[in-house]
Amino acid sequence: MAYGVVHWEIGGTNTAKTREFYSKLFGWEFQSFEGLDYGMVQPVGEGSIGGGIGPVPPGGSPYVTFYVHVDDLARSLEKAASLGGKTVLPPTPIPGVGSCAMFADLNGDIIGLFKPDVQ
């Protein structure tokens, strides 16, 4: 089974300035979440996917990544590890949305995994 890209993300060290930069550059408008330093961008135009800008995890570096919709986060992380990848973020719930995880590929690129809540 092939899986599709469902979300992109930019992790910055100063999220307010990063969001301001992309807002001025592309006209993006952000939906913020109370208590989280994260802003969502809704898809714009046909074929577009939404994304978000948030903080870099503690000890991490700025990054740009995309998220792939998968059926089983743990199984996908195990498969990535068997191919030489490394788990960066274990399965983590996103209340009311689903769960995500992240791994580093062979080049050190960070790729996200996403599994929505069953609705």
PDB file of N, CA and C in Angstrom:
ATOM      1  N   MET A   1       0.842  -1.178   0.000  1.00  0.00           N
ATOM      2  CA  MET A   1       0.000   0.000   0.000  1.00  0.00           C
ATOM      3  C   MET A   1       0.885   1.239   0.000  1.00  0.00           C
ATOM      4  N   ALA A   2       0.567   2.199  -0.830  1.00  0.00           N
ATOM      5  CA  ALA A   2       1.289   3.469  -0.863  1.00  0.00           C
ATOM      6  C   ALA A   2       0.575   4.465   0.047  1.00  0.00           C
ATOM      7  N   TYR A   3       1.331   5.335   0.673  1.00  0.00           N
ATOM      8  CA  TYR A   3       0.781   6.315   1.596  1.00  0.00           C
ATOM      9  C   TYR A   3       1.049   7.725   1.079  1.00  0.00           C
ATOM     10  N   GLY A   4       0.124   8.649   1.356  1.00  0.00           N
ATOM     11  CA  GLY A   4       0.237  10.011   0.847  1.00  0.00           C
ATOM     12  C   GLY A   4       0.723  11.015   1.875  1.00  0.00           C
ATOM     13  N   VAL A   5       1.259  12.107   1.380  1.00  0.00           N
ATOM     14  CA  VAL A   5       1.689  13.226   2.220  1.00  0.00           C
ATOM     15  C   VAL A   5       0.446  14.018   2.616  1.00  0.00           C
ATOM     16  N   VAL A   6       0.294  14.285   3.916  1.00  0.00           N
ATOM     17  CA  VAL A   6      -0.916  14.942   4.407  1.00  0.00           C
ATOM     18  C   VAL A   6      -0.665  16.258   5.143  1.00  0.00           C
ATOM     19  N   HIS A   7       0.592  16.586   5.425  1.00  0.00           N
ATOM     20  CA  HIS A   7       0.879  17.777   6.224  1.00  0.00           C
ATOM     21  C   HIS A   7       2.349  18.116   6.059  1.00  0.00           C
ATOM     22  N   TRP A   8       2.689  19.404   6.143  1.00  0.00           N
ATOM     23  CA  TRP A   8       4.084  19.823   6.171  1.00  0.00           C
ATOM     24  C   TRP A   8       4.300  20.620   7.447  1.00  0.00           C
ATOM     25  N   GLU A   9       5.557  20.789   7.816  1.00  0.00           N
ATOM     26  CA  GLU A   9       5.842  21.507   9.060  1.00  0.00           C
ATOM     27  C   GLU A   9       7.211  22.165   8.986  1.00  0.00           C
ATOM     28  N   ILE A  10       7.281  23.345   9.562  1.00  0.00           N
ATOM     29  CA  ILE A  10       8.545  24.061   9.708  1.00  0.00           C
ATOM     30  C   ILE A  10       8.773  24.257  11.197  1.00  0.00           C
ATOM     31  N   GLY A  11       9.913  23.792  11.694  1.00  0.00           N
ATOM     32  CA  GLY A  11      10.282  23.972  13.097  1.00  0.00           C
ATOM     33  C   GLY A  11      11.320  25.073  13.186  1.00  0.00           C
ATOM     34  N   GLY A  12      11.004  26.136  13.907  1.00  0.00           N
ATOM     35  CA  GLY A  12      11.916  27.270  14.009  1.00  0.00           C
ATOM     36  C   GLY A  12      12.298  27.585  15.440  1.00  0.00           C
ATOM     37  N   THR A  13      13.391  28.321  15.588  1.00  0.00           N
ATOM     38  CA  THR A  13      13.851  28.709  16.927  1.00  0.00           C
ATOM     39  C   THR A  13      13.080  29.915  17.450  1.00  0.00           C
ATOM     40  N   ASN A  14      12.525  30.741  16.567  1.00  0.00           N
ATOM     41  CA  ASN A  14      11.682  31.865  16.951  1.00  0.00           C
ATOM     42  C   ASN A  14      10.420  31.756  16.111  1.00  0.00           C
ATOM     43  N   THR A  15       9.413  31.077  16.645  1.00  0.00           N
ATOM     44  CA  THR A  15       8.233  30.766  15.842  1.00  0.00           C
ATOM     45  C   THR A  15       7.454  32.018  15.433  1.00  0.00           C
ATOM     46  N   ALA A  16       7.394  33.018  16.282  1.00  0.00           N
ATOM     47  CA  ALA A  16       6.667  34.239  15.916  1.00  0.00           C
ATOM     48  C   ALA A  16       7.301  34.894  14.693  1.00  0.00           C
ATOM     49  N   LYS A  17       8.620  35.026  14.689  1.00  0.00           N
ATOM     50  CA  LYS A  17       9.311  35.625  13.543  1.00  0.00           C
ATOM     51  C   LYS A  17       9.221  34.735  12.314  1.00  0.00           C
ATOM     52  N   THR A  18       9.273  33.414  12.512  1.00  0.00           N
ATOM     53  CA  THR A  18       9.168  32.484  11.387  1.00  0.00           C
ATOM     54  C   THR A  18       7.786  32.590  10.749  1.00  0.00           C
ATOM     55  N   ARG A  19       6.742  32.626  11.566  1.00  0.00           N
ATOM     56  CA  ARG A  19       5.385  32.773  11.025  1.00  0.00           C
ATOM     57  C   ARG A  19       5.220  34.113  10.330  1.00  0.00           C
ATOM     58  N   GLU A  20       5.768  35.166  10.911  1.00  0.00           N
ATOM     59  CA  GLU A  20       5.693  36.489  10.284  1.00  0.00           C
ATOM     60  C   GLU A  20       6.383  36.483   8.913  1.00  0.00           C
ATOM     61  N   PHE A  21       7.549  35.855   8.825  1.00  0.00           N
ATOM     62  CA  PHE A  21       8.285  35.760   7.572  1.00  0.00           C
ATOM     63  C   PHE A  21       7.428  35.117   6.484  1.00  0.00           C
ATOM     64  N   TYR A  22       6.861  33.934   6.781  1.00  0.00           N
ATOM     65  CA  TYR A  22       6.081  33.214   5.785  1.00  0.00           C
ATOM     66  C   TYR A  22       4.742  33.891   5.504  1.00  0.00           C
ATOM     67  N   SER A  23       4.184  34.580   6.484  1.00  0.00           N
ATOM     68  CA  SER A  23       2.956  35.335   6.269  1.00  0.00           C
ATOM     69  C   SER A  23       3.196  36.452   5.262  1.00  0.00           C
ATOM     70  N   LYS A  24       4.292  37.172   5.434  1.00  0.00           N
ATOM     71  CA  LYS A  24       4.625  38.259   4.505  1.00  0.00           C
ATOM     72  C   LYS A  24       5.052  37.723   3.142  1.00  0.00           C
ATOM     73  N   LEU A  25       5.766  36.604   3.117  1.00  0.00           N
ATOM     74  CA  LEU A  25       6.260  36.045   1.873  1.00  0.00           C
ATOM     75  C   LEU A  25       5.140  35.446   1.022  1.00  0.00           C
ATOM     76  N   PHE A  26       4.273  34.624   1.630  1.00  0.00           N
ATOM     77  CA  PHE A  26       3.267  33.881   0.880  1.00  0.00           C
ATOM     78  C   PHE A  26       1.823  34.291   1.171  1.00  0.00           C
ATOM     79  N   GLY A  27       1.620  35.215   2.104  1.00  0.00           N
ATOM     80  CA  GLY A  27       0.264  35.620   2.461  1.00  0.00           C
ATOM     81  C   GLY A  27      -0.462  34.606   3.333  1.00  0.00           C
ATOM     82  N   TRP A  28       0.289  33.703   3.966  1.00  0.00           N
ATOM     83  CA  TRP A  28      -0.320  32.684   4.805  1.00  0.00           C
ATOM     84  C   TRP A  28      -0.927  33.307   6.055  1.00  0.00           C
ATOM     85  N   GLU A  29      -2.082  32.789   6.445  1.00  0.00           N
ATOM     86  CA  GLU A  29      -2.720  33.162   7.706  1.00  0.00           C
ATOM     87  C   GLU A  29      -2.669  31.953   8.626  1.00  0.00           C
ATOM     88  N   PHE A  30      -2.375  32.196   9.882  1.00  0.00           N
ATOM     89  CA  PHE A  30      -2.172  31.109  10.835  1.00  0.00           C
ATOM     90  C   PHE A  30      -3.299  31.017  11.835  1.00  0.00           C
ATOM     91  N   GLN A  31      -3.713  29.800  12.120  1.00  0.00           N
ATOM     92  CA  GLN A  31      -4.656  29.518  13.201  1.00  0.00           C
ATOM     93  C   GLN A  31      -3.818  29.049  14.376  1.00  0.00           C
ATOM     94  N   SER A  32      -3.888  29.774  15.475  1.00  0.00           N
ATOM     95  CA  SER A  32      -3.101  29.413  16.656  1.00  0.00           C
ATOM     96  C   SER A  32      -3.937  28.554  17.594  1.00  0.00           C
ATOM     97  N   PHE A  33      -3.248  27.820  18.439  1.00  0.00           N
ATOM     98  CA  PHE A  33      -3.889  26.972  19.425  1.00  0.00           C
ATOM     99  C   PHE A  33      -3.510  27.464  20.814  1.00  0.00           C
ATOM    100  N   GLU A  34      -4.510  27.649  21.651  1.00  0.00           N
ATOM    101  CA  GLU A  34      -4.271  28.142  23.000  1.00  0.00           C
ATOM    102  C   GLU A  34      -3.313  27.219  23.753  1.00  0.00           C
ATOM    103  N   GLY A  35      -2.298  27.810  24.341  1.00  0.00           N
ATOM    104  CA  GLY A  35      -1.328  27.055  25.122  1.00  0.00           C
ATOM    105  C   GLY A  35      -0.232  26.407  24.304  1.00  0.00           C
ATOM    106  N   LEU A  36      -0.286  26.507  22.978  1.00  0.00           N
ATOM    107  CA  LEU A  36       0.740  25.915  22.123  1.00  0.00           C
ATOM    108  C   LEU A  36       1.382  26.994  21.261  1.00  0.00           C
ATOM    109  N   ASP A  37       2.654  26.921  21.098  1.00  0.00           N
ATOM    110  CA  ASP A  37       3.381  27.832  20.209  1.00  0.00           C
ATOM    111  C   ASP A  37       3.408  27.206  18.823  1.00  0.00           C
ATOM    112  N   TYR A  38       2.216  27.073  18.223  1.00  0.00           N
ATOM    113  CA  TYR A  38       2.086  26.399  16.935  1.00  0.00           C
ATOM    114  C   TYR A  38       0.998  27.084  16.138  1.00  0.00           C
ATOM    115  N   GLY A  39       1.253  27.335  14.872  1.00  0.00           N
ATOM    116  CA  GLY A  39       0.262  27.944  13.996  1.00  0.00           C
ATOM    117  C   GLY A  39       0.006  27.065  12.784  1.00  0.00           C
ATOM    118  N   MET A  40      -1.266  26.802  12.502  1.00  0.00           N
ATOM    119  CA  MET A  40      -1.655  25.976  11.358  1.00  0.00           C
ATOM    120  C   MET A  40      -1.978  26.862  10.166  1.00  0.00           C
ATOM    121  N   VAL A  41      -1.599  26.394   8.979  1.00  0.00           N
ATOM    122  CA  VAL A  41      -1.930  27.043   7.723  1.00  0.00           C
ATOM    123  C   VAL A  41      -2.874  26.105   6.980  1.00  0.00           C
ATOM    124  N   GLN A  42      -4.020  26.615   6.585  1.00  0.00           N
ATOM    125  CA  GLN A  42      -4.984  25.810   5.851  1.00  0.00           C
ATOM    126  C   GLN A  42      -4.561  25.688   4.391  1.00  0.00           C
ATOM    127  N   PRO A  43      -4.967  24.614   3.718  1.00  0.00           N
ATOM    128  CA  PRO A  43      -4.645  24.467   2.296  1.00  0.00           C
ATOM    129  C   PRO A  43      -5.185  25.651   1.502  1.00  0.00           C
ATOM    130  N   VAL A  44      -4.433  26.070   0.503  1.00  0.00           N
ATOM    131  CA  VAL A  44      -4.839  27.184  -0.351  1.00  0.00           C
ATOM    132  C   VAL A  44      -4.780  26.703  -1.796  1.00  0.00           C
ATOM    133  N   GLY A  45      -5.913  26.590  -2.424  1.00  0.00           N
ATOM    134  CA  GLY A  45      -5.941  26.173  -3.816  1.00  0.00           C
ATOM    135  C   GLY A  45      -6.033  24.668  -3.977  1.00  0.00           C
ATOM    136  N   GLU A  46      -6.449  24.270  -5.170  1.00  0.00           N
ATOM    137  CA  GLU A  46      -6.626  22.863  -5.485  1.00  0.00           C
ATOM    138  C   GLU A  46      -5.303  22.101  -5.420  1.00  0.00           C
ATOM    139  N   GLY A  47      -5.324  20.952  -4.801  1.00  0.00           N
ATOM    140  CA  GLY A  47      -4.136  20.118  -4.706  1.00  0.00           C
ATOM    141  C   GLY A  47      -3.186  20.504  -3.585  1.00  0.00           C
ATOM    142  N   SER A  48      -3.512  21.536  -2.838  1.00  0.00           N
ATOM    143  CA  SER A  48      -2.662  22.011  -1.745  1.00  0.00           C
ATOM    144  C   SER A  48      -2.951  21.222  -0.472  1.00  0.00           C
ATOM    145  N   ILE A  49      -1.941  21.095   0.380  1.00  0.00           N
ATOM    146  CA  ILE A  49      -2.150  20.514   1.705  1.00  0.00           C
ATOM    147  C   ILE A  49      -1.784  21.563   2.738  1.00  0.00           C
ATOM    148  N   GLY A  50      -2.372  21.465   3.913  1.00  0.00           N
ATOM    149  CA  GLY A  50      -2.077  22.393   4.988  1.00  0.00           C
ATOM    150  C   GLY A  50      -0.801  22.018   5.701  1.00  0.00           C
ATOM    151  N   GLY A  51      -0.375  22.913   6.571  1.00  0.00           N
ATOM    152  CA  GLY A  51       0.837  22.682   7.326  1.00  0.00           C
ATOM    153  C   GLY A  51       0.850  23.513   8.583  1.00  0.00           C
ATOM    154  N   GLY A  52       2.021  23.627   9.167  1.00  0.00           N
ATOM    155  CA  GLY A  52       2.139  24.405  10.391  1.00  0.00           C
ATOM    156  C   GLY A  52       3.562  24.814  10.682  1.00  0.00           C
ATOM    157  N   ILE A  53       3.663  25.811  11.543  1.00  0.00           N
ATOM    158  CA  ILE A  53       4.967  26.282  12.006  1.00  0.00           C
ATOM    159  C   ILE A  53       4.950  26.258  13.518  1.00  0.00           C
ATOM    160  N   GLY A  54       5.952  25.597  14.085  1.00  0.00           N
ATOM    161  CA  GLY A  54       6.040  25.470  15.523  1.00  0.00           C
ATOM    162  C   GLY A  54       7.481  25.508  15.992  1.00  0.00           C
ATOM    163  N   PRO A  55       7.679  25.310  17.282  1.00  0.00           N
ATOM    164  CA  PRO A  55       9.026  25.383  17.840  1.00  0.00           C
ATOM    165  C   PRO A  55       9.857  24.133  17.564  1.00  0.00           C
ATOM    166  N   VAL A  56      11.139  24.298  17.633  1.00  0.00           N
ATOM    167  CA  VAL A  56      12.077  23.188  17.543  1.00  0.00           C
ATOM    168  C   VAL A  56      12.027  22.430  18.871  1.00  0.00           C
ATOM    169  N   PRO A  57      11.983  21.094  18.843  1.00  0.00           N
ATOM    170  CA  PRO A  57      12.001  20.341  20.103  1.00  0.00           C
ATOM    171  C   PRO A  57      13.271  20.638  20.904  1.00  0.00           C
ATOM    172  N   PRO A  58      13.219  20.505  22.231  1.00  0.00           N
ATOM    173  CA  PRO A  58      14.409  20.756  23.051  1.00  0.00           C
ATOM    174  C   PRO A  58      15.615  19.977  22.532  1.00  0.00           C
ATOM    175  N   GLY A  59      16.713  20.675  22.354  1.00  0.00           N
ATOM    176  CA  GLY A  59      17.942  20.050  21.885  1.00  0.00           C
ATOM    177  C   GLY A  59      17.980  19.821  20.391  1.00  0.00           C
ATOM    178  N   GLY A  60      16.906  20.190  19.687  1.00  0.00           N
ATOM    179  CA  GLY A  60      16.830  19.962  18.246  1.00  0.00           C
ATOM    180  C   GLY A  60      17.319  21.156  17.448  1.00  0.00           C
ATOM    181  N   SER A  61      17.302  21.006  16.154  1.00  0.00           N
ATOM    182  CA  SER A  61      17.704  22.048  15.213  1.00  0.00           C
ATOM    183  C   SER A  61      16.510  22.423  14.356  1.00  0.00           C
ATOM    184  N   PRO A  62      16.509  23.631  13.776  1.00  0.00           N
ATOM    185  CA  PRO A  62      15.437  23.997  12.860  1.00  0.00           C
ATOM    186  C   PRO A  62      15.306  22.953  11.750  1.00  0.00           C
ATOM    187  N   TYR A  63      14.086  22.765  11.270  1.00  0.00           N
ATOM    188  CA  TYR A  63      13.846  21.735  10.265  1.00  0.00           C
ATOM    189  C   TYR A  63      12.648  22.093   9.391  1.00  0.00           C
ATOM    190  N   VAL A  64      12.577  21.453   8.265  1.00  0.00           N
ATOM    191  CA  VAL A  64      11.404  21.443   7.396  1.00  0.00           C
ATOM    192  C   VAL A  64      11.112  19.981   7.120  1.00  0.00           C
ATOM    193  N   THR A  65       9.857  19.581   7.282  1.00  0.00           N
ATOM    194  CA  THR A  65       9.509  18.180   7.078  1.00  0.00           C
ATOM    195  C   THR A  65       8.113  18.056   6.496  1.00  0.00           C
ATOM    196  N   PHE A  66       7.754  16.861   6.161  1.00  0.00           N
ATOM    197  CA  PHE A  66       6.398  16.554   5.736  1.00  0.00           C
ATOM    198  C   PHE A  66       5.944  15.325   6.510  1.00  0.00           C
ATOM    199  N   TYR A  67       4.621  15.175   6.590  1.00  0.00           N
ATOM    200  CA  TYR A  67       4.036  14.047   7.310  1.00  0.00           C
ATOM    201  C   TYR A  67       3.300  13.133   6.339  1.00  0.00           C
ATOM    202  N   VAL A  68       3.481  11.838   6.529  1.00  0.00           N
ATOM    203  CA  VAL A  68       2.835  10.824   5.704  1.00  0.00           C
ATOM    204  C   VAL A  68       1.777  10.122   6.550  1.00  0.00           C
ATOM    205  N   HIS A  69       0.572   9.969   5.992  1.00  0.00           N
ATOM    206  CA  HIS A  69      -0.509   9.271   6.678  1.00  0.00           C
ATOM    207  C   HIS A  69      -0.214   7.770   6.664  1.00  0.00           C
ATOM    208  N   VAL A  70      -0.162   7.153   7.834  1.00  0.00           N
ATOM    209  CA  VAL A  70       0.077   5.711   7.946  1.00  0.00           C
ATOM    210  C   VAL A  70      -0.994   5.086   8.842  1.00  0.00           C
ATOM    211  N   ASP A  71      -1.129   3.774   8.746  1.00  0.00           N
ATOM    212  CA  ASP A  71      -2.117   3.049   9.549  1.00  0.00           C
ATOM    213  C   ASP A  71      -1.617   2.720  10.950  1.00  0.00           C
ATOM    214  N   ASP A  72      -0.303   2.573  11.103  1.00  0.00           N
ATOM    215  CA  ASP A  72       0.268   2.138  12.376  1.00  0.00           C
ATOM    216  C   ASP A  72       1.608   2.846  12.591  1.00  0.00           C
ATOM    217  N   LEU A  73       1.630   3.801  13.522  1.00  0.00           N
ATOM    218  CA  LEU A  73       2.855   4.581  13.773  1.00  0.00           C
ATOM    219  C   LEU A  73       4.009   3.701  14.231  1.00  0.00           C
ATOM    220  N   ALA A  74       3.758   2.858  15.221  1.00  0.00           N
ATOM    221  CA  ALA A  74       4.834   2.016  15.770  1.00  0.00           C
ATOM    222  C   ALA A  74       5.413   1.092  14.701  1.00  0.00           C
ATOM    223  N   ARG A  75       4.551   0.478  13.925  1.00  0.00           N
ATOM    224  CA  ARG A  75       5.013  -0.428  12.870  1.00  0.00           C
ATOM    225  C   ARG A  75       5.829   0.328  11.814  1.00  0.00           C
ATOM    226  N   SER A  76       5.405   1.537  11.482  1.00  0.00           N
ATOM    227  CA  SER A  76       6.140   2.345  10.501  1.00  0.00           C
ATOM    228  C   SER A  76       7.505   2.759  11.042  1.00  0.00           C
ATOM    229  N   LEU A  77       7.577   3.099  12.336  1.00  0.00           N
ATOM    230  CA  LEU A  77       8.877   3.438  12.946  1.00  0.00           C
ATOM    231  C   LEU A  77       9.796   2.220  12.958  1.00  0.00           C
ATOM    232  N   GLU A  78       9.231   1.054  13.269  1.00  0.00           N
ATOM    233  CA  GLU A  78      10.029  -0.178  13.265  1.00  0.00           C
ATOM    234  C   GLU A  78      10.565  -0.470  11.867  1.00  0.00           C
ATOM    235  N   LYS A  79       9.735  -0.288  10.865  1.00  0.00           N
ATOM    236  CA  LYS A  79      10.176  -0.538   9.493  1.00  0.00           C
ATOM    237  C   LYS A  79      11.267   0.455   9.098  1.00  0.00           C
ATOM    238  N   ALA A  80      11.094   1.737   9.463  1.00  0.00           N
ATOM    239  CA  ALA A  80      12.128   2.738   9.172  1.00  0.00           C
ATOM    240  C   ALA A  80      13.444   2.335   9.836  1.00  0.00           C
ATOM    241  N   ALA A  81      13.380   1.871  11.084  1.00  0.00           N
ATOM    242  CA  ALA A  81      14.589   1.450  11.798  1.00  0.00           C
ATOM    243  C   ALA A  81      15.238   0.251  11.118  1.00  0.00           C
ATOM    244  N   SER A  82      14.424  -0.685  10.626  1.00  0.00           N
ATOM    245  CA  SER A  82      14.980  -1.865   9.956  1.00  0.00           C
ATOM    246  C   SER A  82      15.683  -1.499   8.647  1.00  0.00           C
ATOM    247  N   LEU A  83      15.333  -0.337   8.101  1.00  0.00           N
ATOM    248  CA  LEU A  83      15.946   0.132   6.858  1.00  0.00           C
ATOM    249  C   LEU A  83      17.091   1.115   7.103  1.00  0.00           C
ATOM    250  N   GLY A  84      17.403   1.351   8.391  1.00  0.00           N
ATOM    251  CA  GLY A  84      18.519   2.237   8.728  1.00  0.00           C
ATOM    252  C   GLY A  84      18.109   3.579   9.282  1.00  0.00           C
ATOM    253  N   GLY A  85      16.808   3.810   9.449  1.00  0.00           N
ATOM    254  CA  GLY A  85      16.331   5.069  10.032  1.00  0.00           C
ATOM    255  C   GLY A  85      16.415   5.042  11.547  1.00  0.00           C
ATOM    256  N   LYS A  86      16.081   6.185  12.161  1.00  0.00           N
ATOM    257  CA  LYS A  86      16.157   6.303  13.616  1.00  0.00           C
ATOM    258  C   LYS A  86      14.958   7.104  14.118  1.00  0.00           C
ATOM    259  N   THR A  87      14.267   6.572  15.129  1.00  0.00           N
ATOM    260  CA  THR A  87      13.131   7.284  15.713  1.00  0.00           C
ATOM    261  C   THR A  87      13.611   8.577  16.372  1.00  0.00           C
ATOM    262  N   VAL A  88      12.920   9.665  16.051  1.00  0.00           N
ATOM    263  CA  VAL A  88      13.219  10.972  16.630  1.00  0.00           C
ATOM    264  C   VAL A  88      12.134  11.348  17.637  1.00  0.00           C
ATOM    265  N   LEU A  89      10.886  11.024  17.310  1.00  0.00           N
ATOM    266  CA  LEU A  89       9.746  11.295  18.193  1.00  0.00           C
ATOM    267  C   LEU A  89       8.872  10.049  18.193  1.00  0.00           C
ATOM    268  N   PRO A  90       8.712   9.404  19.353  1.00  0.00           N
ATOM    269  CA  PRO A  90       7.845   8.224  19.399  1.00  0.00           C
ATOM    270  C   PRO A  90       6.390   8.640  19.193  1.00  0.00           C
ATOM    271  N   PRO A  91       5.488   7.679  18.992  1.00  0.00           N
ATOM    272  CA  PRO A  91       4.078   8.029  18.822  1.00  0.00           C
ATOM    273  C   PRO A  91       3.601   8.955  19.939  1.00  0.00           C
ATOM    274  N   THR A  92       3.023  10.077  19.506  1.00  0.00           N
ATOM    275  CA  THR A  92       2.617  11.139  20.421  1.00  0.00           C
ATOM    276  C   THR A  92       1.199  11.586  20.082  1.00  0.00           C
ATOM    277  N   PRO A  93       0.281  11.566  21.050  1.00  0.00           N
ATOM    278  CA  PRO A  93      -1.087  11.984  20.762  1.00  0.00           C
ATOM    279  C   PRO A  93      -1.183  13.490  20.509  1.00  0.00           C
ATOM    280  N   ILE A  94      -2.072  13.841  19.596  1.00  0.00           N
ATOM    281  CA  ILE A  94      -2.462  15.234  19.355  1.00  0.00           C
ATOM    282  C   ILE A  94      -3.950  15.260  19.698  1.00  0.00           C
ATOM    283  N   PRO A  95      -4.310  15.776  20.880  1.00  0.00           N
ATOM    284  CA  PRO A  95      -5.695  15.692  21.348  1.00  0.00           C
ATOM    285  C   PRO A  95      -6.713  16.198  20.325  1.00  0.00           C
ATOM    286  N   GLY A  96      -7.705  15.354  20.064  1.00  0.00           N
ATOM    287  CA  GLY A  96      -8.780  15.700  19.161  1.00  0.00           C
ATOM    288  C   GLY A  96      -8.438  15.627  17.687  1.00  0.00           C
ATOM    289  N   VAL A  97      -7.199  15.221  17.351  1.00  0.00           N
ATOM    290  CA  VAL A  97      -6.767  15.188  15.956  1.00  0.00           C
ATOM    291  C   VAL A  97      -6.281  13.800  15.559  1.00  0.00           C
ATOM    292  N   GLY A  98      -5.363  13.253  16.320  1.00  0.00           N
ATOM    293  CA  GLY A  98      -4.762  11.965  15.993  1.00  0.00           C
ATOM    294  C   GLY A  98      -3.475  11.778  16.757  1.00  0.00           C
ATOM    295  N   SER A  99      -2.494  11.155  16.126  1.00  0.00           N
ATOM    296  CA  SER A  99      -1.179  10.942  16.726  1.00  0.00           C
ATOM    297  C   SER A  99      -0.120  11.128  15.650  1.00  0.00           C
ATOM    298  N   CYS A 100       1.075  11.507  16.098  1.00  0.00           N
ATOM    299  CA  CYS A 100       2.173  11.668  15.154  1.00  0.00           C
ATOM    300  C   CYS A 100       3.433  11.028  15.720  1.00  0.00           C
ATOM    301  N   ALA A 101       4.411  10.867  14.861  1.00  0.00           N
ATOM    302  CA  ALA A 101       5.736  10.366  15.234  1.00  0.00           C
ATOM    303  C   ALA A 101       6.699  10.920  14.192  1.00  0.00           C
ATOM    304  N   MET A 102       8.000  10.844  14.470  1.00  0.00           N
ATOM    305  CA  MET A 102       8.993  11.315  13.514  1.00  0.00           C
ATOM    306  C   MET A 102      10.197  10.383  13.521  1.00  0.00           C
ATOM    307  N   PHE A 103      10.844  10.277  12.356  1.00  0.00           N
ATOM    308  CA  PHE A 103      12.071   9.509  12.269  1.00  0.00           C
ATOM    309  C   PHE A 103      13.062  10.254  11.389  1.00  0.00           C
ATOM    310  N   ALA A 104      14.337   9.909  11.551  1.00  0.00           N
ATOM    311  CA  ALA A 104      15.387  10.435  10.676  1.00  0.00           C
ATOM    312  C   ALA A 104      15.678   9.356   9.645  1.00  0.00           C
ATOM    313  N   ASP A 105      15.763   9.765   8.374  1.00  0.00           N
ATOM    314  CA  ASP A 105      16.085   8.791   7.333  1.00  0.00           C
ATOM    315  C   ASP A 105      17.598   8.597   7.253  1.00  0.00           C
ATOM    316  N   LEU A 106      18.057   7.908   6.236  1.00  0.00           N
ATOM    317  CA  LEU A 106      19.486   7.617   6.091  1.00  0.00           C
ATOM    318  C   LEU A 106      20.346   8.866   5.958  1.00  0.00           C
ATOM    319  N   ASN A 107      19.755   9.966   5.468  1.00  0.00           N
ATOM    320  CA  ASN A 107      20.490  11.223   5.296  1.00  0.00           C
ATOM    321  C   ASN A 107      20.371  12.145   6.500  1.00  0.00           C
ATOM    322  N   GLY A 108      19.589  11.727   7.494  1.00  0.00           N
ATOM    323  CA  GLY A 108      19.350  12.571   8.651  1.00  0.00           C
ATOM    324  C   GLY A 108      18.155  13.495   8.472  1.00  0.00           C
ATOM    325  N   ASP A 109      17.441  13.377   7.328  1.00  0.00           N
ATOM    326  CA  ASP A 109      16.241  14.177   7.111  1.00  0.00           C
ATOM    327  C   ASP A 109      15.140  13.690   8.047  1.00  0.00           C
ATOM    328  N   ILE A 110      14.406  14.621   8.621  1.00  0.00           N
ATOM    329  CA  ILE A 110      13.338  14.285   9.550  1.00  0.00           C
ATOM    330  C   ILE A 110      12.023  14.162   8.773  1.00  0.00           C
ATOM    331  N   ILE A 111      11.373  13.018   8.919  1.00  0.00           N
ATOM    332  CA  ILE A 111      10.108  12.741   8.251  1.00  0.00           C
ATOM    333  C   ILE A 111       9.067  12.459   9.325  1.00  0.00           C
ATOM    334  N   GLY A 112       7.890  13.029   9.151  1.00  0.00           N
ATOM    335  CA  GLY A 112       6.815  12.823  10.105  1.00  0.00           C
ATOM    336  C   GLY A 112       5.845  11.746   9.643  1.00  0.00           C
ATOM    337  N   LEU A 113       5.215  11.113  10.603  1.00  0.00           N
ATOM    338  CA  LEU A 113       4.163  10.130  10.363  1.00  0.00           C
ATOM    339  C   LEU A 113       2.915  10.623  11.077  1.00  0.00           C
ATOM    340  N   PHE A 114       1.762  10.381  10.483  1.00  0.00           N
ATOM    341  CA  PHE A 114       0.512  10.851  11.082  1.00  0.00           C
ATOM    342  C   PHE A 114      -0.567   9.787  10.957  1.00  0.00           C
ATOM    343  N   LYS A 115      -1.296   9.595  12.047  1.00  0.00           N
ATOM    344  CA  LYS A 115      -2.452   8.696  12.048  1.00  0.00           C
ATOM    345  C   LYS A 115      -3.612   9.462  12.685  1.00  0.00           C
ATOM    346  N   PRO A 116      -4.648   9.747  11.890  1.00  0.00           N
ATOM    347  CA  PRO A 116      -5.768  10.512  12.448  1.00  0.00           C
ATOM    348  C   PRO A 116      -6.586   9.690  13.430  1.00  0.00           C
ATOM    349  N   ASP A 117      -7.287  10.386  14.338  1.00  0.00           N
ATOM    350  CA  ASP A 117      -8.242   9.708  15.201  1.00  0.00           C
ATOM    351  C   ASP A 117      -9.334   9.133  14.316  1.00  0.00           C
ATOM    352  N   VAL A 118      -9.862   7.993  14.692  1.00  0.00           N
ATOM    353  CA  VAL A 118     -10.959   7.389  13.958  1.00  0.00           C
ATOM    354  C   VAL A 118     -12.204   8.208  14.234  1.00  0.00           C
ATOM    355  N   GLN A 119     -12.893   8.569  13.164  1.00  0.00           N
ATOM    356  CA  GLN A 119     -14.087   9.401  13.344  1.00  0.00           C
ATOM    357  C   GLN A 119     -15.301   8.721  12.795  1.00  0.00           C
TER     358      GLN A 119
END
